Amino acid sequence: MKIEAVLAFDAVADERAKQNEKWGVQRHGPFTWLAILTEEVGELAEAALHDEFGGEHADTLKEELTHVAAVAVQWLEQLEWEELDLMQALTEGGTNE
């Protein structure tokens, strides 16, 4: 793996740890996750605009992009957790009804 990929993944992992510390483990439905992710994408867009045209959020592009990636990973973690939880329930003979 290239060093820039390692650094990027490390930044996202660090941000995930900060999110868990701040908010705890989050479990949401798809629309709530999408709203959270969209809010972060909005902040990323603002950072890009401020880099281009000036503004108080200039030079925050990398930080905001890391937030977007971390929220997306957190949502994906929940989907994986739900799938594993269902598989475990089915393996143990239980049903999810």
PDB file of N, CA and C in Angstrom:
ATOM      1  N   MET A   1       0.849  -1.178   0.000  1.00  0.00           N
ATOM      2  CA  MET A   1       0.000   0.000   0.000  1.00  0.00           C
ATOM      3  C   MET A   1       0.893   1.238   0.000  1.00  0.00           C
ATOM      4  N   LYS A   2       0.519   2.207  -0.775  1.00  0.00           N
ATOM      5  CA  LYS A   2       1.303   3.439  -0.867  1.00  0.00           C
ATOM      6  C   LYS A   2       1.182   4.245   0.421  1.00  0.00           C
ATOM      7  N   ILE A   3       2.225   4.986   0.721  1.00  0.00           N
ATOM      8  CA  ILE A   3       2.275   5.756   1.963  1.00  0.00           C
ATOM      9  C   ILE A   3       1.124   6.756   2.061  1.00  0.00           C
ATOM     10  N   GLU A   4       0.743   7.362   0.919  1.00  0.00           N
ATOM     11  CA  GLU A   4      -0.353   8.339   0.982  1.00  0.00           C
ATOM     12  C   GLU A   4      -1.675   7.663   1.352  1.00  0.00           C
ATOM     13  N   ALA A   5      -1.858   6.404   0.936  1.00  0.00           N
ATOM     14  CA  ALA A   5      -3.059   5.665   1.321  1.00  0.00           C
ATOM     15  C   ALA A   5      -3.032   5.349   2.810  1.00  0.00           C
ATOM     16  N   VAL A   6      -1.881   4.941   3.304  1.00  0.00           N
ATOM     17  CA  VAL A   6      -1.734   4.646   4.730  1.00  0.00           C
ATOM     18  C   VAL A   6      -2.040   5.894   5.553  1.00  0.00           C
ATOM     19  N   LEU A   7      -1.508   7.036   5.146  1.00  0.00           N
ATOM     20  CA  LEU A   7      -1.752   8.284   5.869  1.00  0.00           C
ATOM     21  C   LEU A   7      -3.232   8.667   5.837  1.00  0.00           C
ATOM     22  N   ALA A   8      -3.860   8.482   4.676  1.00  0.00           N
ATOM     23  CA  ALA A   8      -5.281   8.812   4.551  1.00  0.00           C
ATOM     24  C   ALA A   8      -6.126   7.906   5.447  1.00  0.00           C
ATOM     25  N   PHE A   9      -5.859   6.599   5.404  1.00  0.00           N
ATOM     26  CA  PHE A   9      -6.621   5.668   6.244  1.00  0.00           C
ATOM     27  C   PHE A   9      -6.377   5.932   7.726  1.00  0.00           C
ATOM     28  N   ASP A  10      -5.159   6.296   8.086  1.00  0.00           N
ATOM     29  CA  ASP A  10      -4.861   6.634   9.480  1.00  0.00           C
ATOM     30  C   ASP A  10      -5.647   7.865   9.921  1.00  0.00           C
ATOM     31  N   ALA A  11      -5.746   8.862   9.049  1.00  0.00           N
ATOM     32  CA  ALA A  11      -6.496  10.079   9.372  1.00  0.00           C
ATOM     33  C   ALA A  11      -7.971   9.755   9.597  1.00  0.00           C
ATOM     34  N   VAL A  12      -8.514   8.892   8.757  1.00  0.00           N
ATOM     35  CA  VAL A  12      -9.921   8.501   8.912  1.00  0.00           C
ATOM     36  C   VAL A  12     -10.106   7.693  10.200  1.00  0.00           C
ATOM     37  N   ALA A  13      -9.195   6.787  10.485  1.00  0.00           N
ATOM     38  CA  ALA A  13      -9.285   5.995  11.726  1.00  0.00           C
ATOM     39  C   ALA A  13      -9.194   6.902  12.955  1.00  0.00           C
ATOM     40  N   ASP A  14      -8.314   7.882  12.919  1.00  0.00           N
ATOM     41  CA  ASP A  14      -8.211   8.838  14.028  1.00  0.00           C
ATOM     42  C   ASP A  14      -9.512   9.615  14.206  1.00  0.00           C
ATOM     43  N   GLU A  15     -10.097  10.047  13.089  1.00  0.00           N
ATOM     44  CA  GLU A  15     -11.367  10.783  13.161  1.00  0.00           C
ATOM     45  C   GLU A  15     -12.486   9.890  13.678  1.00  0.00           C
ATOM     46  N   ARG A  16     -12.499   8.622  13.291  1.00  0.00           N
ATOM     47  CA  ARG A  16     -13.507   7.687  13.804  1.00  0.00           C
ATOM     48  C   ARG A  16     -13.381   7.556  15.320  1.00  0.00           C
ATOM     49  N   ALA A  17     -12.159   7.482  15.811  1.00  0.00           N
ATOM     50  CA  ALA A  17     -11.952   7.393  17.260  1.00  0.00           C
ATOM     51  C   ALA A  17     -12.485   8.644  17.953  1.00  0.00           C
ATOM     52  N   LYS A  18     -12.246   9.812  17.359  1.00  0.00           N
ATOM     53  CA  LYS A  18     -12.766  11.066  17.924  1.00  0.00           C
ATOM     54  C   LYS A  18     -14.287  11.078  17.930  1.00  0.00           C
ATOM     55  N   GLN A  19     -14.899  10.587  16.846  1.00  0.00           N
ATOM     56  CA  GLN A  19     -16.362  10.531  16.790  1.00  0.00           C
ATOM     57  C   GLN A  19     -16.911   9.631  17.890  1.00  0.00           C
ATOM     58  N   ASN A  20     -16.304   8.462  18.056  1.00  0.00           N
ATOM     59  CA  ASN A  20     -16.780   7.551  19.104  1.00  0.00           C
ATOM     60  C   ASN A  20     -16.604   8.150  20.488  1.00  0.00           C
ATOM     61  N   GLU A  21     -15.519   8.860  20.675  1.00  0.00           N
ATOM     62  CA  GLU A  21     -15.287   9.500  21.977  1.00  0.00           C
ATOM     63  C   GLU A  21     -16.326  10.588  22.234  1.00  0.00           C
ATOM     64  N   LYS A  22     -16.643  11.346  21.206  1.00  0.00           N
ATOM     65  CA  LYS A  22     -17.577  12.470  21.351  1.00  0.00           C
ATOM     66  C   LYS A  22     -19.033  12.013  21.428  1.00  0.00           C
ATOM     67  N   TRP A  23     -19.431  11.076  20.549  1.00  0.00           N
ATOM     68  CA  TRP A  23     -20.837  10.714  20.401  1.00  0.00           C
ATOM     69  C   TRP A  23     -21.174   9.311  20.901  1.00  0.00           C
ATOM     70  N   GLY A  24     -20.158   8.496  21.161  1.00  0.00           N
ATOM     71  CA  GLY A  24     -20.419   7.104  21.468  1.00  0.00           C
ATOM     72  C   GLY A  24     -20.753   6.351  20.191  1.00  0.00           C
ATOM     73  N   VAL A  25     -21.070   5.082  20.335  1.00  0.00           N
ATOM     74  CA  VAL A  25     -21.452   4.280  19.172  1.00  0.00           C
ATOM     75  C   VAL A  25     -22.816   4.754  18.714  1.00  0.00           C
ATOM     76  N   GLN A  26     -22.919   5.052  17.438  1.00  0.00           N
ATOM     77  CA  GLN A  26     -24.175   5.550  16.884  1.00  0.00           C
ATOM     78  C   GLN A  26     -24.835   4.484  16.016  1.00  0.00           C
ATOM     79  N   ARG A  27     -26.128   4.377  16.137  1.00  0.00           N
ATOM     80  CA  ARG A  27     -26.925   3.496  15.293  1.00  0.00           C
ATOM     81  C   ARG A  27     -28.081   4.337  14.757  1.00  0.00           C
ATOM     82  N   HIS A  28     -28.128   4.490  13.444  1.00  0.00           N
ATOM     83  CA  HIS A  28     -29.167   5.302  12.811  1.00  0.00           C
ATOM     84  C   HIS A  28     -29.748   4.565  11.628  1.00  0.00           C
ATOM     85  N   GLY A  29     -30.882   5.037  11.170  1.00  0.00           N
ATOM     86  CA  GLY A  29     -31.467   4.553   9.928  1.00  0.00           C
ATOM     87  C   GLY A  29     -30.790   5.230   8.744  1.00  0.00           C
ATOM     88  N   PRO A  30     -31.056   4.718   7.551  1.00  0.00           N
ATOM     89  CA  PRO A  30     -30.397   5.244   6.350  1.00  0.00           C
ATOM     90  C   PRO A  30     -30.614   6.746   6.123  1.00  0.00           C
ATOM     91  N   PHE A  31     -31.824   7.234   6.365  1.00  0.00           N
ATOM     92  CA  PHE A  31     -32.075   8.650   6.109  1.00  0.00           C
ATOM     93  C   PHE A  31     -31.320   9.551   7.086  1.00  0.00           C
ATOM     94  N   THR A  32     -31.197   9.113   8.333  1.00  0.00           N
ATOM     95  CA  THR A  32     -30.425   9.900   9.303  1.00  0.00           C
ATOM     96  C   THR A  32     -28.954   9.900   8.932  1.00  0.00           C
ATOM     97  N   TRP A  33     -28.430   8.708   8.540  1.00  0.00           N
ATOM     98  CA  TRP A  33     -27.023   8.662   8.104  1.00  0.00           C
ATOM     99  C   TRP A  33     -26.807   9.563   6.900  1.00  0.00           C
ATOM    100  N   LEU A  34     -27.747   9.517   5.963  1.00  0.00           N
ATOM    101  CA  LEU A  34     -27.615  10.342   4.770  1.00  0.00           C
ATOM    102  C   LEU A  34     -27.640  11.827   5.122  1.00  0.00           C
ATOM    103  N   ALA A  35     -28.471  12.212   6.070  1.00  0.00           N
ATOM    104  CA  ALA A  35     -28.515  13.610   6.508  1.00  0.00           C
ATOM    105  C   ALA A  35     -27.191  14.024   7.140  1.00  0.00           C
ATOM    106  N   ILE A  36     -26.635  13.165   7.997  1.00  0.00           N
ATOM    107  CA  ILE A  36     -25.345  13.466   8.637  1.00  0.00           C
ATOM    108  C   ILE A  36     -24.252  13.578   7.579  1.00  0.00           C
ATOM    109  N   LEU A  37     -24.222  12.632   6.661  1.00  0.00           N
ATOM    110  CA  LEU A  37     -23.209  12.636   5.608  1.00  0.00           C
ATOM    111  C   LEU A  37     -23.362  13.859   4.715  1.00  0.00           C
ATOM    112  N   THR A  38     -24.589  14.214   4.374  1.00  0.00           N
ATOM    113  CA  THR A  38     -24.840  15.383   3.526  1.00  0.00           C
ATOM    114  C   THR A  38     -24.401  16.667   4.222  1.00  0.00           C
ATOM    115  N   GLU A  39     -24.619  16.739   5.510  1.00  0.00           N
ATOM    116  CA  GLU A  39     -24.166  17.912   6.268  1.00  0.00           C
ATOM    117  C   GLU A  39     -22.653  18.035   6.196  1.00  0.00           C
ATOM    118  N   GLU A  40     -21.967  16.910   6.325  1.00  0.00           N
ATOM    119  CA  GLU A  40     -20.501  16.928   6.230  1.00  0.00           C
ATOM    120  C   GLU A  40     -20.042  17.293   4.812  1.00  0.00           C
ATOM    121  N   VAL A  41     -20.748  16.799   3.801  1.00  0.00           N
ATOM    122  CA  VAL A  41     -20.411  17.155   2.418  1.00  0.00           C
ATOM    123  C   VAL A  41     -20.628  18.653   2.206  1.00  0.00           C
ATOM    124  N   GLY A  42     -21.655  19.208   2.819  1.00  0.00           N
ATOM    125  CA  GLY A  42     -21.880  20.657   2.740  1.00  0.00           C
ATOM    126  C   GLY A  42     -20.720  21.441   3.328  1.00  0.00           C
ATOM    127  N   GLU A  43     -20.204  20.976   4.452  1.00  0.00           N
ATOM    128  CA  GLU A  43     -19.044  21.635   5.057  1.00  0.00           C
ATOM    129  C   GLU A  43     -17.815  21.499   4.167  1.00  0.00           C
ATOM    130  N   LEU A  44     -17.676  20.358   3.482  1.00  0.00           N
ATOM    131  CA  LEU A  44     -16.585  20.167   2.532  1.00  0.00           C
ATOM    132  C   LEU A  44     -16.713  21.147   1.366  1.00  0.00           C
ATOM    133  N   ALA A  45     -17.925  21.306   0.856  1.00  0.00           N
ATOM    134  CA  ALA A  45     -18.167  22.252  -0.237  1.00  0.00           C
ATOM    135  C   ALA A  45     -17.838  23.679   0.197  1.00  0.00           C
ATOM    136  N   GLU A  46     -18.219  24.019   1.412  1.00  0.00           N
ATOM    137  CA  GLU A  46     -17.908  25.349   1.932  1.00  0.00           C
ATOM    138  C   GLU A  46     -16.394  25.554   2.011  1.00  0.00           C
ATOM    139  N   ALA A  47     -15.677  24.550   2.480  1.00  0.00           N
ATOM    140  CA  ALA A  47     -14.216  24.656   2.565  1.00  0.00           C
ATOM    141  C   ALA A  47     -13.609  24.846   1.176  1.00  0.00           C
ATOM    142  N   ALA A  48     -14.114  24.104   0.187  1.00  0.00           N
ATOM    143  CA  ALA A  48     -13.602  24.239  -1.182  1.00  0.00           C
ATOM    144  C   ALA A  48     -13.872  25.637  -1.729  1.00  0.00           C
ATOM    145  N   LEU A  49     -15.071  26.145  -1.500  1.00  0.00           N
ATOM    146  CA  LEU A  49     -15.397  27.500  -1.953  1.00  0.00           C
ATOM    147  C   LEU A  49     -14.522  28.545  -1.274  1.00  0.00           C
ATOM    148  N   HIS A  50     -14.288  28.392   0.017  1.00  0.00           N
ATOM    149  CA  HIS A  50     -13.467  29.348   0.750  1.00  0.00           C
ATOM    150  C   HIS A  50     -12.009  29.260   0.321  1.00  0.00           C
ATOM    151  N   ASP A  51     -11.551  28.070  -0.046  1.00  0.00           N
ATOM    152  CA  ASP A  51     -10.201  27.957  -0.605  1.00  0.00           C
ATOM    153  C   ASP A  51     -10.107  28.711  -1.931  1.00  0.00           C
ATOM    154  N   GLU A  52     -11.148  28.603  -2.711  1.00  0.00           N
ATOM    155  CA  GLU A  52     -11.143  29.209  -4.050  1.00  0.00           C
ATOM    156  C   GLU A  52     -11.342  30.723  -4.008  1.00  0.00           C
ATOM    157  N   PHE A  53     -12.271  31.178  -3.149  1.00  0.00           N
ATOM    158  CA  PHE A  53     -12.678  32.580  -3.181  1.00  0.00           C
ATOM    159  C   PHE A  53     -12.409  33.350  -1.881  1.00  0.00           C
ATOM    160  N   GLY A  54     -11.857  32.667  -0.897  1.00  0.00           N
ATOM    161  CA  GLY A  54     -11.579  33.308   0.387  1.00  0.00           C
ATOM    162  C   GLY A  54     -12.729  33.100   1.353  1.00  0.00           C
ATOM    163  N   GLY A  55     -12.399  33.041   2.602  1.00  0.00           N
ATOM    164  CA  GLY A  55     -13.414  32.872   3.638  1.00  0.00           C
ATOM    165  C   GLY A  55     -12.804  32.245   4.874  1.00  0.00           C
ATOM    166  N   GLU A  56     -13.583  32.248   5.922  1.00  0.00           N
ATOM    167  CA  GLU A  56     -13.067  31.796   7.225  1.00  0.00           C
ATOM    168  C   GLU A  56     -12.769  30.304   7.278  1.00  0.00           C
ATOM    169  N   HIS A  57     -13.307  29.532   6.345  1.00  0.00           N
ATOM    170  CA  HIS A  57     -13.059  28.085   6.353  1.00  0.00           C
ATOM    171  C   HIS A  57     -12.022  27.658   5.315  1.00  0.00           C
ATOM    172  N   ALA A  58     -11.261  28.627   4.821  1.00  0.00           N
ATOM    173  CA  ALA A  58     -10.166  28.286   3.907  1.00  0.00           C
ATOM    174  C   ALA A  58      -9.159  27.417   4.658  1.00  0.00           C
ATOM    175  N   ASP A  59      -8.491  26.556   3.926  1.00  0.00           N
ATOM    176  CA  ASP A  59      -7.470  25.664   4.479  1.00  0.00           C
ATOM    177  C   ASP A  59      -8.027  24.593   5.409  1.00  0.00           C
ATOM    178  N   THR A  60      -9.319  24.269   5.279  1.00  0.00           N
ATOM    179  CA  THR A  60      -9.906  23.182   6.073  1.00  0.00           C
ATOM    180  C   THR A  60     -10.383  22.031   5.187  1.00  0.00           C
ATOM    181  N   LEU A  61     -10.027  22.055   3.911  1.00  0.00           N
ATOM    182  CA  LEU A  61     -10.503  21.053   2.953  1.00  0.00           C
ATOM    183  C   LEU A  61     -10.151  19.627   3.387  1.00  0.00           C
ATOM    184  N   LYS A  62      -8.910  19.402   3.745  1.00  0.00           N
ATOM    185  CA  LYS A  62      -8.460  18.057   4.128  1.00  0.00           C
ATOM    186  C   LYS A  62      -9.201  17.575   5.383  1.00  0.00           C
ATOM    187  N   GLU A  63      -9.363  18.461   6.342  1.00  0.00           N
ATOM    188  CA  GLU A  63     -10.081  18.123   7.569  1.00  0.00           C
ATOM    189  C   GLU A  63     -11.535  17.754   7.267  1.00  0.00           C
ATOM    190  N   GLU A  64     -12.186  18.554   6.426  1.00  0.00           N
ATOM    191  CA  GLU A  64     -13.586  18.286   6.104  1.00  0.00           C
ATOM    192  C   GLU A  64     -13.746  17.010   5.275  1.00  0.00           C
ATOM    193  N   LEU A  65     -12.812  16.769   4.365  1.00  0.00           N
ATOM    194  CA  LEU A  65     -12.861  15.540   3.580  1.00  0.00           C
ATOM    195  C   LEU A  65     -12.669  14.322   4.487  1.00  0.00           C
ATOM    196  N   THR A  66     -11.830  14.455   5.485  1.00  0.00           N
ATOM    197  CA  THR A  66     -11.637  13.380   6.466  1.00  0.00           C
ATOM    198  C   THR A  66     -12.932  13.123   7.232  1.00  0.00           C
ATOM    199  N   HIS A  67     -13.657  14.190   7.572  1.00  0.00           N
ATOM    200  CA  HIS A  67     -14.945  14.030   8.263  1.00  0.00           C
ATOM    201  C   HIS A  67     -15.939  13.275   7.386  1.00  0.00           C
ATOM    202  N   VAL A  68     -15.994  13.634   6.096  1.00  0.00           N
ATOM    203  CA  VAL A  68     -16.897  12.945   5.167  1.00  0.00           C
ATOM    204  C   VAL A  68     -16.557  11.456   5.126  1.00  0.00           C
ATOM    205  N   ALA A  69     -15.282  11.147   4.961  1.00  0.00           N
ATOM    206  CA  ALA A  69     -14.853   9.750   4.886  1.00  0.00           C
ATOM    207  C   ALA A  69     -15.165   9.010   6.186  1.00  0.00           C
ATOM    208  N   ALA A  70     -14.939   9.649   7.316  1.00  0.00           N
ATOM    209  CA  ALA A  70     -15.166   8.995   8.601  1.00  0.00           C
ATOM    210  C   ALA A  70     -16.641   8.702   8.836  1.00  0.00           C
ATOM    211  N   VAL A  71     -17.510   9.624   8.456  1.00  0.00           N
ATOM    212  CA  VAL A  71     -18.953   9.368   8.604  1.00  0.00           C
ATOM    213  C   VAL A  71     -19.374   8.228   7.682  1.00  0.00           C
ATOM    214  N   ALA A  72     -18.872   8.228   6.449  1.00  0.00           N
ATOM    215  CA  ALA A  72     -19.198   7.143   5.519  1.00  0.00           C
ATOM    216  C   ALA A  72     -18.719   5.800   6.069  1.00  0.00           C
ATOM    217  N   VAL A  73     -17.541   5.774   6.647  1.00  0.00           N
ATOM    218  CA  VAL A  73     -17.015   4.536   7.234  1.00  0.00           C
ATOM    219  C   VAL A  73     -17.864   4.112   8.423  1.00  0.00           C
ATOM    220  N   GLN A  74     -18.268   5.072   9.233  1.00  0.00           N
ATOM    221  CA  GLN A  74     -19.086   4.727  10.392  1.00  0.00           C
ATOM    222  C   GLN A  74     -20.416   4.115   9.952  1.00  0.00           C
ATOM    223  N   TRP A  75     -21.022   4.666   8.928  1.00  0.00           N
ATOM    224  CA  TRP A  75     -22.271   4.110   8.393  1.00  0.00           C
ATOM    225  C   TRP A  75     -22.024   2.691   7.886  1.00  0.00           C
ATOM    226  N   LEU A  76     -20.931   2.507   7.164  1.00  0.00           N
ATOM    227  CA  LEU A  76     -20.578   1.183   6.650  1.00  0.00           C
ATOM    228  C   LEU A  76     -20.313   0.198   7.792  1.00  0.00           C
ATOM    229  N   GLU A  77     -19.669   0.666   8.857  1.00  0.00           N
ATOM    230  CA  GLU A  77     -19.440  -0.185  10.025  1.00  0.00           C
ATOM    231  C   GLU A  77     -20.766  -0.676  10.591  1.00  0.00           C
ATOM    232  N   GLN A  78     -21.755   0.217  10.658  1.00  0.00           N
ATOM    233  CA  GLN A  78     -23.060  -0.189  11.174  1.00  0.00           C
ATOM    234  C   GLN A  78     -23.680  -1.250  10.281  1.00  0.00           C
ATOM    235  N   LEU A  79     -23.611  -1.073   8.969  1.00  0.00           N
ATOM    236  CA  LEU A  79     -24.169  -2.067   8.050  1.00  0.00           C
ATOM    237  C   LEU A  79     -23.477  -3.417   8.217  1.00  0.00           C
ATOM    238  N   GLU A  80     -22.157  -3.400   8.387  1.00  0.00           N
ATOM    239  CA  GLU A  80     -21.414  -4.646   8.612  1.00  0.00           C
ATOM    240  C   GLU A  80     -21.830  -5.283   9.931  1.00  0.00           C
ATOM    241  N   TRP A  81     -21.967  -4.465  10.968  1.00  0.00           N
ATOM    242  CA  TRP A  81     -22.371  -4.953  12.287  1.00  0.00           C
ATOM    243  C   TRP A  81     -23.752  -5.599  12.203  1.00  0.00           C
ATOM    244  N   GLU A  82     -24.691  -4.934  11.496  1.00  0.00           N
ATOM    245  CA  GLU A  82     -26.038  -5.478  11.365  1.00  0.00           C
ATOM    246  C   GLU A  82     -26.023  -6.809  10.618  1.00  0.00           C
ATOM    247  N   GLU A  83     -25.211  -6.890   9.563  1.00  0.00           N
ATOM    248  CA  GLU A  83     -25.112  -8.130   8.795  1.00  0.00           C
ATOM    249  C   GLU A  83     -24.510  -9.250   9.642  1.00  0.00           C
ATOM    250  N   LEU A  84     -23.460  -8.935  10.387  1.00  0.00           N
ATOM    251  CA  LEU A  84     -22.843  -9.949  11.254  1.00  0.00           C
ATOM    252  C   LEU A  84     -23.791 -10.378  12.362  1.00  0.00           C
ATOM    253  N   ASP A  85     -24.538  -9.420  12.907  1.00  0.00           N
ATOM    254  CA  ASP A  85     -25.498  -9.730  13.971  1.00  0.00           C
ATOM    255  C   ASP A  85     -26.582 -10.644  13.443  1.00  0.00           C
ATOM    256  N   LEU A  86     -27.064 -10.398  12.234  1.00  0.00           N
ATOM    257  CA  LEU A  86     -28.072 -11.250  11.619  1.00  0.00           C
ATOM    258  C   LEU A  86     -27.506 -12.638  11.343  1.00  0.00           C
ATOM    259  N   MET A  87     -26.293 -12.685  10.822  1.00  0.00           N
ATOM    260  CA  MET A  87     -25.671 -13.983  10.537  1.00  0.00           C
ATOM    261  C   MET A  87     -25.492 -14.779  11.818  1.00  0.00           C
ATOM    262  N   GLN A  88     -25.098 -14.107  12.885  1.00  0.00           N
ATOM    263  CA  GLN A  88     -24.919 -14.802  14.161  1.00  0.00           C
ATOM    264  C   GLN A  88     -26.254 -15.336  14.666  1.00  0.00           C
ATOM    265  N   ALA A  89     -27.293 -14.542  14.546  1.00  0.00           N
ATOM    266  CA  ALA A  89     -28.624 -14.981  14.994  1.00  0.00           C
ATOM    267  C   ALA A  89     -29.091 -16.190  14.196  1.00  0.00           C
ATOM    268  N   LEU A  90     -28.855 -16.170  12.891  1.00  0.00           N
ATOM    269  CA  LEU A  90     -29.270 -17.295  12.060  1.00  0.00           C
ATOM    270  C   LEU A  90     -28.447 -18.536  12.355  1.00  0.00           C
ATOM    271  N   THR A  91     -27.153 -18.343  12.628  1.00  0.00           N
ATOM    272  CA  THR A  91     -26.267 -19.461  12.937  1.00  0.00           C
ATOM    273  C   THR A  91     -26.649 -20.119  14.267  1.00  0.00           C
ATOM    274  N   GLU A  92     -27.092 -19.306  15.200  1.00  0.00           N
ATOM    275  CA  GLU A  92     -27.477 -19.824  16.512  1.00  0.00           C
ATOM    276  C   GLU A  92     -28.873 -20.413  16.500  1.00  0.00           C
ATOM    277  N   GLY A  93     -29.530 -20.401  15.326  1.00  0.00           N
ATOM    278  CA  GLY A  93     -30.853 -21.005  15.220  1.00  0.00           C
ATOM    279  C   GLY A  93     -31.981 -20.068  15.529  1.00  0.00           C
ATOM    280  N   GLY A  94     -31.658 -18.829  15.851  1.00  0.00           N
ATOM    281  CA  GLY A  94     -32.714 -17.869  16.126  1.00  0.00           C
ATOM    282  C   GLY A  94     -33.235 -17.278  14.840  1.00  0.00           C
ATOM    283  N   THR A  95     -34.316 -16.577  14.951  1.00  0.00           N
ATOM    284  CA  THR A  95     -34.863 -15.862  13.788  1.00  0.00           C
ATOM    285  C   THR A  95     -34.852 -14.381  14.095  1.00  0.00           C
ATOM    286  N   ASN A  96     -34.949 -13.609  13.072  1.00  0.00           N
ATOM    287  CA  ASN A  96     -34.920 -12.162  13.229  1.00  0.00           C
ATOM    288  C   ASN A  96     -36.329 -11.601  13.026  1.00  0.00           C
ATOM    289  N   GLU A  97     -37.349 -12.346  13.456  1.00  0.00           N
ATOM    290  CA  GLU A  97     -38.742 -11.918  13.281  1.00  0.00           C
ATOM    291  C   GLU A  97     -39.297 -11.382  14.574  1.00  0.00           C
TER     292      GLU A  97
END
